[in-house]
């Protein structure tokens, strides 16, 4: 039998087998969450810290809070943030606490489908059951907006969501929070915020060709952000070289004004406007302390 004929027979069979494996490959089982009473005020604060408002409110288009529609162009296609209001059809009004916890901490929809990692769910793995309950209590207070989420416009083969199972198997590592007993409570609070809900590494860490963060280069800056921009390194050494101090960084996270009088633009401007400007002075100090005193 000629080689070309063997290839013609074997290649489709292998492709079919690979397709079947991906299709049948199970995603992680939902981690059961303890049913706790949530504090909507604390949850709203966590939502600001976690970037929910900036990513899910189409401010430029005049969209309503958390109704989605924010466009995120990437090399893999264009993502659109979904509606997170309490509308039962367009949003998350039919979800329960377990659905919410599994989506936020594991990146899995109520239907059992994996989310694209444009949603920074790996960073939310460090959120406690109480954190999730508080967030859920806050989201339940959001007025419903009947506005269907815009479907993602992905390039082939990234439009095949089953491929995310392979991506998760290779790259998905949920964040955990392990406080350093040798460090202060303020430093450890900053570590929790930076490495967890604030997901600073989502923009300030370079990614490989598959879109996964390069952990060995955490916070070393990235040259290909979705909006075509670049993010600077925010390692301790880099910040100190640029003349940042704890007080100046704390102030910039509140006002968006840098030590030279310039202001943050682009996505960092949105982070301040919709997120860090709403944090407490202590939490902004914690972020600045951790970034300027961490190793690396």
Protein backbone atom coordinates (compact mmCIF):
# COMPACT_ATOMS: atom_id res chain seq x y z
CA UNK A 1 0.00 0.00 0.00
CA UNK A 2 1.39 3.36 -0.94
CA UNK A 3 2.33 5.80 1.79
CA UNK A 4 -0.16 8.44 0.65
CA UNK A 5 -2.99 5.94 0.93
CA UNK A 6 -1.93 4.93 4.44
CA UNK A 7 -1.82 8.58 5.45
CA UNK A 8 -5.23 9.20 3.85
CA UNK A 9 -6.72 6.39 5.92
CA UNK A 10 -4.88 6.89 9.21
CA UNK A 11 -4.93 10.69 9.47
CA UNK A 12 -8.74 11.05 9.54
CA UNK A 13 -8.95 8.19 12.03
CA UNK A 14 -6.45 9.89 14.34
CA UNK A 15 -8.22 13.22 13.96
CA UNK A 16 -11.54 11.58 14.78
CA UNK A 17 -10.06 9.88 17.81
CA UNK A 18 -8.58 13.16 19.05
CA UNK A 19 -11.93 14.90 18.54
CA UNK A 20 -13.69 12.16 20.50
CA UNK A 21 -11.18 12.37 23.36
CA UNK A 22 -11.63 16.14 23.65
CA UNK A 23 -15.40 15.86 23.43
CA UNK A 24 -15.58 13.21 26.16
CA UNK A 25 -12.82 14.69 28.33
CA UNK A 26 -14.59 15.78 31.53
CA UNK A 27 -14.02 19.19 33.07
CA UNK A 28 -13.41 19.56 36.79
CA UNK A 29 -16.29 18.65 39.06
CA UNK A 30 -17.86 21.59 40.91
CA UNK A 31 -16.31 22.14 44.33
CA UNK A 32 -19.14 22.26 46.82
CA UNK A 33 -19.48 25.60 48.58
CA UNK A 34 -20.66 26.04 52.13
CA UNK A 35 -23.96 27.90 52.20
CA UNK A 36 -23.22 31.11 54.07
CA UNK A 37 -25.06 34.39 54.54
CA UNK A 38 -23.51 36.98 52.24
CA UNK A 39 -22.79 40.63 52.96
CA UNK A 40 -23.70 42.63 49.82
CA UNK A 41 -21.67 45.65 50.94
CA UNK A 42 -18.51 43.61 51.33
CA UNK A 43 -19.36 41.82 48.09
CA UNK A 44 -19.64 45.11 46.21
CA UNK A 45 -16.21 46.05 47.54
CA UNK A 46 -14.78 42.73 46.36
CA UNK A 47 -16.38 43.26 42.96
CA UNK A 48 -14.51 46.57 42.63
CA UNK A 49 -11.30 44.90 43.73
CA UNK A 50 -11.82 42.05 41.27
CA UNK A 51 -12.36 44.22 38.20
CA UNK A 52 -15.95 43.11 37.61
CA UNK A 53 -17.25 46.60 36.88
CA UNK A 54 -14.52 47.61 34.42
CA UNK A 55 -14.76 44.38 32.42
CA UNK A 56 -18.53 43.99 32.39
CA UNK A 57 -19.70 47.58 31.91
CA UNK A 58 -19.52 49.06 28.41
CA UNK A 59 -18.79 52.58 29.61
CA UNK A 60 -17.70 53.87 26.19
CA UNK A 61 -20.89 52.57 24.60
CA UNK A 62 -23.14 53.96 27.31
CA UNK A 63 -23.97 50.52 28.66
CA UNK A 64 -25.66 49.92 31.97
CA UNK A 65 -23.66 48.59 34.95
CA UNK A 66 -22.59 44.97 34.55
CA UNK A 67 -24.68 44.47 31.39
CA UNK A 68 -21.58 43.34 29.48
CA UNK A 69 -20.63 44.12 25.91
CA UNK A 70 -17.02 45.20 26.48
CA UNK A 71 -14.96 44.21 23.43
CA UNK A 72 -11.61 42.45 23.91
CA UNK A 73 -9.72 41.82 20.65
CA UNK A 74 -6.95 39.19 20.77
CA UNK A 75 -4.91 37.05 18.41
CA UNK A 76 -7.41 34.24 19.01
CA UNK A 77 -10.48 36.26 18.12
CA UNK A 78 -12.64 38.87 19.79
CA UNK A 79 -14.18 38.31 23.19
CA UNK A 80 -17.20 40.17 24.55
CA UNK A 81 -17.91 40.33 28.26
CA UNK A 82 -21.28 38.81 29.19
CA UNK A 83 -24.26 40.29 30.97
CA UNK A 84 -23.94 39.76 34.74
CA UNK A 85 -27.17 41.46 35.81
CA UNK A 86 -30.05 39.63 37.47
CA UNK A 87 -32.04 39.33 34.25
CA UNK A 88 -33.09 35.65 34.12
CA UNK A 89 -32.72 35.32 30.35
CA UNK A 90 -29.87 37.66 29.42
CA UNK A 91 -27.92 37.60 32.68
CA UNK A 92 -27.37 35.38 35.69
CA UNK A 93 -30.79 35.74 37.30
CA UNK A 94 -31.44 31.99 37.15
CA UNK A 95 -28.15 31.05 38.81
CA UNK A 96 -27.71 29.92 42.39
CA UNK A 97 -24.78 30.26 44.78
CA UNK A 98 -23.21 26.99 43.61
CA UNK A 99 -23.44 28.01 39.95
CA UNK A 100 -21.80 31.32 40.79
CA UNK A 101 -19.02 29.74 42.85
CA UNK A 102 -18.18 27.20 40.15
CA UNK A 103 -18.10 29.89 37.47
CA UNK A 104 -15.96 32.34 39.43
CA UNK A 105 -13.46 29.98 41.05
CA UNK A 106 -13.30 27.18 38.48
CA UNK A 107 -14.24 28.81 35.20
CA UNK A 108 -17.09 26.39 34.47
CA UNK A 109 -20.59 27.44 33.42
CA UNK A 110 -23.79 26.08 35.01
CA UNK A 111 -24.11 23.91 31.89
CA UNK A 112 -20.71 22.35 32.60
CA UNK A 113 -18.86 24.13 29.78
CA UNK A 114 -15.42 25.68 30.38
CA UNK A 115 -15.05 29.42 30.00
CA UNK A 116 -12.36 31.00 27.86
CA UNK A 117 -9.43 32.23 29.97
CA UNK A 118 -10.16 35.81 28.91
CA UNK A 119 -12.21 35.50 32.11
CA UNK A 120 -9.45 35.57 34.77
CA UNK A 121 -11.01 32.82 36.88
CA UNK A 122 -7.65 31.23 37.85
CA UNK A 123 -6.95 34.31 39.99
CA UNK A 124 -10.23 33.91 41.85
CA UNK A 125 -9.27 30.49 43.17
CA UNK A 126 -8.00 32.16 46.33
CA UNK A 127 -11.43 33.55 47.22
CA UNK A 128 -12.96 31.90 50.28
CA UNK A 129 -16.49 30.55 50.52
CA UNK A 130 -17.38 33.69 52.47
CA UNK A 131 -15.91 35.90 49.74
CA UNK A 132 -18.02 34.10 47.15
CA UNK A 133 -21.15 34.35 49.30
CA UNK A 134 -20.56 38.09 49.71
CA UNK A 135 -20.02 38.58 45.98
CA UNK A 136 -23.17 36.63 45.20
CA UNK A 137 -25.17 38.71 47.67
CA UNK A 138 -23.93 41.85 45.91
CA UNK A 139 -24.69 40.59 42.41
CA UNK A 140 -28.24 39.74 43.46
CA UNK A 141 -28.81 43.46 44.09
CA UNK A 142 -27.89 44.47 40.52
CA UNK A 143 -30.97 45.63 38.56
CA UNK A 144 -31.84 43.33 35.63
CA UNK A 145 -30.94 44.47 32.14
CA UNK A 146 -32.57 42.61 29.26
CA UNK A 147 -29.71 42.72 26.82
CA UNK A 148 -28.36 39.52 25.29
CA UNK A 149 -24.64 38.93 25.60
CA UNK A 150 -22.73 39.34 22.34
CA UNK A 151 -21.26 35.96 21.29
CA UNK A 152 -17.50 35.70 21.11
CA UNK A 153 -16.13 35.94 17.57
CA UNK A 154 -13.29 33.43 17.64
CA UNK A 155 -10.95 32.38 14.85
CA UNK A 156 -10.77 28.66 13.96
CA UNK A 157 -9.88 26.40 15.71
CA UNK A 158 -10.32 28.51 18.86
CA UNK A 159 -14.06 28.62 18.21
CA UNK A 160 -14.21 24.95 19.27
CA UNK A 161 -14.84 25.30 22.98
CA UNK A 162 -13.98 21.68 23.64
CA UNK A 163 -10.34 22.61 22.97
CA UNK A 164 -10.43 24.54 26.24
CA UNK A 165 -10.38 21.20 28.04
CA UNK A 166 -6.92 20.58 26.62
CA UNK A 167 -5.85 24.13 27.51
CA UNK A 168 -7.02 23.63 31.08
CA UNK A 169 -5.19 20.34 31.33
CA UNK A 170 -1.95 21.98 30.23
CA UNK A 171 -2.09 25.41 31.83
CA UNK A 172 -4.87 25.83 34.39
CA UNK A 173 -3.44 26.39 37.86
CA UNK A 174 -5.83 28.08 40.30
CA UNK A 175 -4.34 30.63 42.65
CA UNK A 176 -4.16 29.83 46.33
CA UNK A 177 -3.35 32.19 49.15
CA UNK A 178 -0.57 31.07 51.45
CA UNK A 179 0.38 33.87 53.85
CA UNK A 180 4.04 34.30 54.71
CA UNK A 181 4.40 34.23 58.51
CA UNK A 182 7.68 36.11 58.24
CA UNK A 183 5.91 39.09 56.66
CA UNK A 184 3.54 41.68 58.08
CA UNK A 185 -0.24 41.46 57.92
CA UNK A 186 -0.19 44.44 55.54
CA UNK A 187 2.25 42.71 53.16
CA UNK A 188 0.19 39.51 53.22
CA UNK A 189 -2.99 41.46 52.55
CA UNK A 190 -1.28 42.98 49.53
CA UNK A 191 -0.21 39.55 48.35
CA UNK A 192 -3.78 38.29 48.56
CA UNK A 193 -5.09 41.24 46.55
CA UNK A 194 -2.35 41.36 43.89
CA UNK A 195 -2.08 37.62 43.24
CA UNK A 196 -5.77 36.96 43.73
CA UNK A 197 -8.84 39.09 43.00
CA UNK A 198 -7.05 42.15 41.56
CA UNK A 199 -5.41 39.77 39.04
CA UNK A 200 -2.51 42.14 38.32
CA UNK A 201 -0.67 39.32 36.57
CA UNK A 202 -3.39 39.06 33.92
CA UNK A 203 -1.98 42.16 32.24
CA UNK A 204 1.51 42.49 33.72
CA UNK A 205 2.76 38.94 33.04
CA UNK A 206 3.81 37.82 29.53
CA UNK A 207 1.99 34.93 27.90
CA UNK A 208 3.07 32.07 25.68
CA UNK A 209 1.73 31.26 22.22
CA UNK A 210 -1.26 29.49 23.78
CA UNK A 211 -2.24 32.54 25.80
CA UNK A 212 -1.11 31.08 29.12
CA UNK A 213 0.81 33.18 31.61
CA UNK A 214 4.53 32.53 31.94
CA UNK A 215 4.74 32.05 35.69
CA UNK A 216 8.51 32.36 35.81
CA UNK A 217 8.14 35.92 34.50
CA UNK A 218 5.34 36.99 36.82
CA UNK A 219 4.78 40.77 36.78
CA UNK A 220 7.66 41.34 34.33
CA UNK A 221 5.36 43.19 31.93
CA UNK A 222 3.73 42.13 28.67
CA UNK A 223 4.26 43.38 25.13
CA UNK A 224 1.04 42.18 23.50
CA UNK A 225 -2.05 43.23 25.42
CA UNK A 226 -5.48 42.65 23.86
CA UNK A 227 -5.85 46.37 23.10
CA UNK A 228 -2.51 46.39 21.28
CA UNK A 229 -0.71 48.10 24.11
CA UNK A 230 2.05 47.10 26.46
CA UNK A 231 2.18 46.77 30.22
CA UNK A 232 5.26 47.77 32.20
CA UNK A 233 7.04 45.47 34.61
CA UNK A 234 5.83 45.92 38.17
CA UNK A 235 8.37 43.77 39.94
CA UNK A 236 9.93 45.30 43.04
CA UNK A 237 13.21 45.98 41.24
CA UNK A 238 11.50 47.59 38.24
CA UNK A 239 9.29 49.83 40.36
CA UNK A 240 12.23 51.00 42.44
CA UNK A 241 14.27 51.74 39.30
CA UNK A 242 11.40 53.92 38.10
CA UNK A 243 11.41 55.84 41.36
CA UNK A 244 8.19 54.52 42.84
CA UNK A 245 7.69 54.54 46.60
CA UNK A 246 4.94 53.00 48.67
CA UNK A 247 3.29 56.38 49.17
CA UNK A 248 3.51 57.44 45.50
CA UNK A 249 2.12 54.11 44.28
CA UNK A 250 -0.63 54.23 46.88
CA UNK A 251 -1.56 57.71 45.69
CA UNK A 252 -1.49 56.67 42.02
CA UNK A 253 -3.85 53.77 42.73
CA UNK A 254 -6.28 56.29 44.22
CA UNK A 255 -6.03 59.13 41.70
CA UNK A 256 -4.39 57.70 38.58
CA UNK A 257 -1.71 60.40 38.84
CA UNK A 258 1.91 59.25 38.57
CA UNK A 259 4.89 60.90 40.32
CA UNK A 260 5.84 62.83 37.16
CA UNK A 261 2.36 64.36 36.96
CA UNK A 262 1.22 62.20 34.05
CA UNK A 263 -1.84 59.99 34.42
CA UNK A 264 -2.52 56.33 33.80
CA UNK A 265 -4.16 55.72 30.44
CA UNK A 266 -5.75 52.79 28.67
CA UNK A 267 -6.70 49.73 30.69
CA UNK A 268 -4.77 50.88 33.77
CA UNK A 269 -6.79 54.08 33.79
CA UNK A 270 -9.93 51.93 33.85
CA UNK A 271 -8.52 49.84 36.68
CA UNK A 272 -8.13 52.96 38.80
CA UNK A 273 -11.42 54.57 37.71
CA UNK A 274 -13.58 51.51 38.34
CA UNK A 275 -11.50 49.60 40.86
CA UNK A 276 -8.62 50.78 43.01
CA UNK A 277 -10.07 54.28 43.52
CA UNK A 278 -12.83 52.60 45.53
CA UNK A 279 -10.51 50.61 47.78
CA UNK A 280 -9.61 51.62 51.30
CA UNK A 281 -6.37 53.50 51.96
CA UNK A 282 -5.14 50.48 53.88
CA UNK A 283 -5.74 48.14 50.95
CA UNK A 284 -4.03 50.52 48.51
CA UNK A 285 -1.11 50.70 50.92
CA UNK A 286 -1.11 46.90 51.14
CA UNK A 287 -0.91 46.59 47.35
CA UNK A 288 1.94 49.09 47.15
CA UNK A 289 3.78 47.46 50.05
CA UNK A 290 3.59 44.00 48.53
CA UNK A 291 4.66 45.13 45.06
CA UNK A 292 7.64 47.11 46.35
CA UNK A 293 8.78 44.59 48.95
CA UNK A 294 8.12 41.25 47.26
CA UNK A 295 11.00 39.12 46.04
CA UNK A 296 11.70 39.32 42.34
